[in-house]
Amino acid sequence: MGLHLFRQRTKQLLSSEEGLLGHLRRLPQEEVVEVAAHLDALLPPVGVLIPLPGAEGVAEQLGAWRGLPVVRASGVDALTGSADAALVTTQLSDGVAELDLCLRAAHSGVRVRAVAALVERTGAGGRSRLELQGTEVLPVLEVADTPEGLLFERRDTRTHGLH
């Protein structure tokens, strides 16, 4: 199973940041399945999935396949133990929200090993911010901000994302 539907719809929406973000937060079920299947092959073994708002559907699909609990971002402070986790986010830009959640999880004894992003804005600095903390970034698609607007990333950014 590829990412045909997700990639095609994302490409259609690159001209509208609002439209793209809205779509990422309300993915149709067939795109949820495509994205979750892609991420299932990339994610390291973890004990819990933590979706940021809007990414719950993908996290729940992954959790069902892997038999993992899905803990909402608002419940991270209640986690206890030494489990490894993966965050799931719709769009990784500056990485501030993701880093904050990683730090909150660490305070509860949970190590975030990876951040899975449906779309990564490659020029926004989020990857660097997270990788400096030892967290792997796993984008499904990468987009670049250009003078012409958002475009699929063409550079090799050392990731598993599709170009």
C-alpha atoms as a PDB file:
ATOM      1  CA  MET A   1       0.000   0.000   0.000  1.00  0.00           C
ATOM      2  CA  GLY A   2       1.437   3.340  -1.017  1.00  0.00           C
ATOM      3  CA  LEU A   3       0.664   6.920  -0.194  1.00  0.00           C
ATOM      4  CA  HIS A   4      -1.088   7.713  -3.449  1.00  0.00           C
ATOM      5  CA  LEU A   5      -4.254   9.298  -2.031  1.00  0.00           C
ATOM      6  CA  PHE A   6      -2.486  11.178   0.753  1.00  0.00           C
ATOM      7  CA  ARG A   7       0.247  12.498  -1.533  1.00  0.00           C
ATOM      8  CA  GLN A   8      -2.207  13.499  -4.269  1.00  0.00           C
ATOM      9  CA  ARG A   9      -4.525  15.371  -1.877  1.00  0.00           C
ATOM     10  CA  THR A  10      -1.603  17.049  -0.111  1.00  0.00           C
ATOM     11  CA  LYS A  11      -0.201  18.234  -3.449  1.00  0.00           C
ATOM     12  CA  GLN A  12      -3.580  19.764  -4.336  1.00  0.00           C
ATOM     13  CA  LEU A  13      -3.618  21.693  -1.055  1.00  0.00           C
ATOM     14  CA  LEU A  14      -0.043  23.035  -0.991  1.00  0.00           C
ATOM     15  CA  SER A  15      -1.245  26.388  -2.292  1.00  0.00           C
ATOM     16  CA  SER A  16      -3.386  26.909   0.822  1.00  0.00           C
ATOM     17  CA  GLU A  17      -1.741  26.542   4.218  1.00  0.00           C
ATOM     18  CA  GLU A  18      -5.131  26.723   5.940  1.00  0.00           C
ATOM     19  CA  GLY A  19      -6.587  24.134   3.614  1.00  0.00           C
ATOM     20  CA  LEU A  20      -3.606  21.832   4.071  1.00  0.00           C
ATOM     21  CA  LEU A  21      -3.673  22.043   7.863  1.00  0.00           C
ATOM     22  CA  GLY A  22      -7.436  21.505   7.911  1.00  0.00           C
ATOM     23  CA  HIS A  23      -7.091  18.441   5.738  1.00  0.00           C
ATOM     24  CA  LEU A  24      -4.281  17.009   7.879  1.00  0.00           C
ATOM     25  CA  ARG A  25      -6.454  17.343  10.967  1.00  0.00           C
ATOM     26  CA  ARG A  26      -9.469  15.685   9.306  1.00  0.00           C
ATOM     27  CA  LEU A  27      -8.000  12.956   7.118  1.00  0.00           C
ATOM     28  CA  PRO A  28     -10.475  10.623   5.444  1.00  0.00           C
ATOM     29  CA  GLN A  29     -10.201   7.046   6.722  1.00  0.00           C
ATOM     30  CA  GLU A  30      -8.521   5.745   3.553  1.00  0.00           C
ATOM     31  CA  GLU A  31      -5.722   8.304   3.980  1.00  0.00           C
ATOM     32  CA  VAL A  32      -5.447   7.498   7.702  1.00  0.00           C
ATOM     33  CA  VAL A  33      -4.822   3.877   6.738  1.00  0.00           C
ATOM     34  CA  GLU A  34      -2.219   4.834   4.094  1.00  0.00           C
ATOM     35  CA  VAL A  35      -0.327   7.105   6.481  1.00  0.00           C
ATOM     36  CA  ALA A  36      -0.522   4.679   9.410  1.00  0.00           C
ATOM     37  CA  ALA A  37       0.769   1.821   7.245  1.00  0.00           C
ATOM     38  CA  HIS A  38       3.702   3.958   6.121  1.00  0.00           C
ATOM     39  CA  LEU A  39       4.541   4.993   9.674  1.00  0.00           C
ATOM     40  CA  ASP A  40       4.116   1.448  10.995  1.00  0.00           C
ATOM     41  CA  ALA A  41       7.073   0.428   8.837  1.00  0.00           C
ATOM     42  CA  LEU A  42       9.234   3.320  10.103  1.00  0.00           C
ATOM     43  CA  LEU A  43       8.503   3.632  13.817  1.00  0.00           C
ATOM     44  CA  PRO A  44      10.858   1.952  16.269  1.00  0.00           C
ATOM     45  CA  PRO A  45       9.403  -0.323  18.959  1.00  0.00           C
ATOM     46  CA  VAL A  46       7.631   1.821  21.561  1.00  0.00           C
ATOM     47  CA  GLY A  47       5.230   1.238  24.421  1.00  0.00           C
ATOM     48  CA  VAL A  48       2.855   4.167  23.903  1.00  0.00           C
ATOM     49  CA  LEU A  49       1.749   6.583  21.189  1.00  0.00           C
ATOM     50  CA  ILE A  50       1.061  10.233  21.971  1.00  0.00           C
ATOM     51  CA  PRO A  51      -0.789  12.229  19.304  1.00  0.00           C
ATOM     52  CA  LEU A  52      -0.835  15.985  19.211  1.00  0.00           C
ATOM     53  CA  PRO A  53      -4.278  17.476  18.488  1.00  0.00           C
ATOM     54  CA  GLY A  54      -5.409  16.528  14.997  1.00  0.00           C
ATOM     55  CA  ALA A  55      -3.253  13.398  14.725  1.00  0.00           C
ATOM     56  CA  GLU A  56      -5.432  11.173  16.907  1.00  0.00           C
ATOM     57  CA  GLY A  57      -6.869   9.136  14.016  1.00  0.00           C
ATOM     58  CA  VAL A  58      -3.467   8.072  12.705  1.00  0.00           C
ATOM     59  CA  ALA A  59      -2.214   7.303  16.231  1.00  0.00           C
ATOM     60  CA  GLU A  60      -5.314   5.252  17.014  1.00  0.00           C
ATOM     61  CA  GLN A  61      -4.900   3.236  13.806  1.00  0.00           C
ATOM     62  CA  LEU A  62      -1.224   2.603  14.600  1.00  0.00           C
ATOM     63  CA  GLY A  63      -2.081   1.740  18.184  1.00  0.00           C
ATOM     64  CA  ALA A  64      -4.707  -0.770  17.071  1.00  0.00           C
ATOM     65  CA  TRP A  65      -2.255  -2.493  14.719  1.00  0.00           C
ATOM     66  CA  ARG A  66       0.568  -2.570  17.265  1.00  0.00           C
ATOM     67  CA  GLY A  67      -1.562  -3.220  20.334  1.00  0.00           C
ATOM     68  CA  LEU A  68      -0.387   0.018  21.947  1.00  0.00           C
ATOM     69  CA  PRO A  69      -2.159   2.490  24.184  1.00  0.00           C
ATOM     70  CA  VAL A  70      -2.767   5.953  22.779  1.00  0.00           C
ATOM     71  CA  VAL A  71      -2.453   8.721  25.364  1.00  0.00           C
ATOM     72  CA  ARG A  72      -3.677  12.178  24.430  1.00  0.00           C
ATOM     73  CA  ALA A  73      -1.229  15.041  24.861  1.00  0.00           C
ATOM     74  CA  SER A  74      -3.336  16.365  27.737  1.00  0.00           C
ATOM     75  CA  GLY A  75      -2.759  13.087  29.616  1.00  0.00           C
ATOM     76  CA  VAL A  76       1.026  12.916  29.285  1.00  0.00           C
ATOM     77  CA  ASP A  77       1.639  14.344  32.748  1.00  0.00           C
ATOM     78  CA  ALA A  78      -0.221  11.382  34.265  1.00  0.00           C
ATOM     79  CA  LEU A  79       2.033   8.802  32.600  1.00  0.00           C
ATOM     80  CA  THR A  80       4.349   6.870  34.860  1.00  0.00           C
ATOM     81  CA  GLY A  81       7.073   4.349  34.222  1.00  0.00           C
ATOM     82  CA  SER A  82       9.983   4.038  31.890  1.00  0.00           C
ATOM     83  CA  ALA A  83       8.230   3.271  28.595  1.00  0.00           C
ATOM     84  CA  ASP A  84       9.454   4.548  25.278  1.00  0.00           C
ATOM     85  CA  ALA A  85       6.980   6.578  23.249  1.00  0.00           C
ATOM     86  CA  ALA A  86       6.428   8.051  19.814  1.00  0.00           C
ATOM     87  CA  LEU A  87       4.644  11.332  19.170  1.00  0.00           C
ATOM     88  CA  VAL A  88       2.382  11.695  16.151  1.00  0.00           C
ATOM     89  CA  THR A  89       1.832  15.192  14.778  1.00  0.00           C
ATOM     90  CA  THR A  90       0.037  16.526  11.729  1.00  0.00           C
ATOM     91  CA  GLN A  91       2.641  19.114  10.777  1.00  0.00           C
ATOM     92  CA  LEU A  92       6.135  19.565  12.166  1.00  0.00           C
ATOM     93  CA  SER A  93       7.263  23.141  11.729  1.00  0.00           C
ATOM     94  CA  ASP A  94       9.331  24.800  14.467  1.00  0.00           C
ATOM     95  CA  GLY A  95       9.000  21.778  16.767  1.00  0.00           C
ATOM     96  CA  VAL A  96       8.182  23.808  19.871  1.00  0.00           C
ATOM     97  CA  ALA A  97       4.933  21.964  20.681  1.00  0.00           C
ATOM     98  CA  GLU A  98       6.589  18.602  20.041  1.00  0.00           C
ATOM     99  CA  LEU A  99       9.622  19.459  22.172  1.00  0.00           C
ATOM    100  CA  ASP A 100       7.388  20.654  24.999  1.00  0.00           C
ATOM    101  CA  LEU A 101       5.522  17.348  24.902  1.00  0.00           C
ATOM    102  CA  CYS A 102       8.813  15.410  24.847  1.00  0.00           C
ATOM    103  CA  LEU A 103       9.953  17.282  27.965  1.00  0.00           C
ATOM    104  CA  ARG A 104       6.643  16.721  29.741  1.00  0.00           C
ATOM    105  CA  ALA A 105       6.826  13.006  28.927  1.00  0.00           C
ATOM    106  CA  ALA A 106      10.424  12.826  30.198  1.00  0.00           C
ATOM    107  CA  HIS A 107       9.301  14.394  33.470  1.00  0.00           C
ATOM    108  CA  SER A 108       6.945  11.393  33.831  1.00  0.00           C
ATOM    109  CA  GLY A 109       9.730   8.918  33.055  1.00  0.00           C
ATOM    110  CA  VAL A 110       8.722   8.348  29.423  1.00  0.00           C
ATOM    111  CA  ARG A 111      11.349   8.729  26.700  1.00  0.00           C
ATOM    112  CA  VAL A 112      10.106   9.948  23.315  1.00  0.00           C
ATOM    113  CA  ARG A 113      12.175   8.050  20.760  1.00  0.00           C
ATOM    114  CA  ALA A 114      10.540   9.429  17.615  1.00  0.00           C
ATOM    115  CA  VAL A 115       8.230  12.102  16.276  1.00  0.00           C
ATOM    116  CA  ALA A 116       6.158  10.931  13.326  1.00  0.00           C
ATOM    117  CA  ALA A 117       4.933  13.869  11.248  1.00  0.00           C
ATOM    118  CA  LEU A 118       2.368  13.643   8.491  1.00  0.00           C
ATOM    119  CA  VAL A 119       4.072  16.680   6.924  1.00  0.00           C
ATOM    120  CA  GLU A 120       7.403  18.234   7.859  1.00  0.00           C
ATOM    121  CA  ARG A 121       8.129  21.849   6.945  1.00  0.00           C
ATOM    122  CA  THR A 122      11.825  21.313   6.265  1.00  0.00           C
ATOM    123  CA  GLY A 123      12.966  24.911   6.610  1.00  0.00           C
ATOM    124  CA  ALA A 124      11.223  25.613   9.923  1.00  0.00           C
ATOM    125  CA  GLY A 125      13.850  24.137  12.263  1.00  0.00           C
ATOM    126  CA  GLY A 126      11.724  21.543  14.045  1.00  0.00           C
ATOM    127  CA  ARG A 127      13.885  18.615  12.980  1.00  0.00           C
ATOM    128  CA  SER A 128      17.050  20.234  14.361  1.00  0.00           C
ATOM    129  CA  ARG A 129      15.361  21.147  17.642  1.00  0.00           C
ATOM    130  CA  LEU A 130      14.166  17.556  18.172  1.00  0.00           C
ATOM    131  CA  GLU A 131      17.262  15.759  16.919  1.00  0.00           C
ATOM    132  CA  LEU A 132      19.402  17.796  19.331  1.00  0.00           C
ATOM    133  CA  GLN A 133      17.387  16.093  22.073  1.00  0.00           C
ATOM    134  CA  GLY A 134      18.062  12.652  20.586  1.00  0.00           C
ATOM    135  CA  THR A 135      14.586  12.271  19.088  1.00  0.00           C
ATOM    136  CA  GLU A 136      14.280  10.798  15.602  1.00  0.00           C
ATOM    137  CA  VAL A 137      12.025  12.649  13.137  1.00  0.00           C
ATOM    138  CA  LEU A 138      10.007  10.485  10.750  1.00  0.00           C
ATOM    139  CA  PRO A 139       8.045  12.522   8.193  1.00  0.00           C
ATOM    140  CA  VAL A 140       5.582  10.990   5.786  1.00  0.00           C
ATOM    141  CA  LEU A 141       5.925  13.922   3.375  1.00  0.00           C
ATOM    142  CA  GLU A 142       8.330  16.857   3.409  1.00  0.00           C
ATOM    143  CA  VAL A 143       7.467  20.289   2.098  1.00  0.00           C
ATOM    144  CA  ALA A 144       9.648  23.334   1.596  1.00  0.00           C
ATOM    145  CA  ASP A 145       8.690  26.985   1.860  1.00  0.00           C
ATOM    146  CA  THR A 146       9.687  28.696  -1.378  1.00  0.00           C
ATOM    147  CA  PRO A 147       9.007  32.123  -2.879  1.00  0.00           C
ATOM    148  CA  GLU A 148       6.332  30.383  -4.967  1.00  0.00           C
ATOM    149  CA  GLY A 149       4.712  28.867  -1.860  1.00  0.00           C
ATOM    150  CA  LEU A 150       4.862  25.354  -0.440  1.00  0.00           C
ATOM    151  CA  LEU A 151       6.339  22.644  -2.653  1.00  0.00           C
ATOM    152  CA  PHE A 152       7.329  19.045  -2.068  1.00  0.00           C
ATOM    153  CA  GLU A 153      10.917  18.981  -0.829  1.00  0.00           C
ATOM    154  CA  ARG A 154      13.403  18.063  -3.536  1.00  0.00           C
ATOM    155  CA  ARG A 155      16.591  18.028  -1.482  1.00  0.00           C
ATOM    156  CA  ASP A 156      17.889  14.885   0.191  1.00  0.00           C
ATOM    157  CA  THR A 157      17.190  15.587   3.860  1.00  0.00           C
ATOM    158  CA  ARG A 158      18.379  12.209   5.228  1.00  0.00           C
ATOM    159  CA  THR A 159      14.852  11.026   6.016  1.00  0.00           C
ATOM    160  CA  HIS A 160      12.424   8.306   5.137  1.00  0.00           C
ATOM    161  CA  GLY A 161       9.903  10.750   3.695  1.00  0.00           C
ATOM    162  CA  LEU A 162       8.788  10.469   0.103  1.00  0.00           C
ATOM    163  CA  HIS A 163       9.972  13.148  -2.305  1.00  0.00           C
END
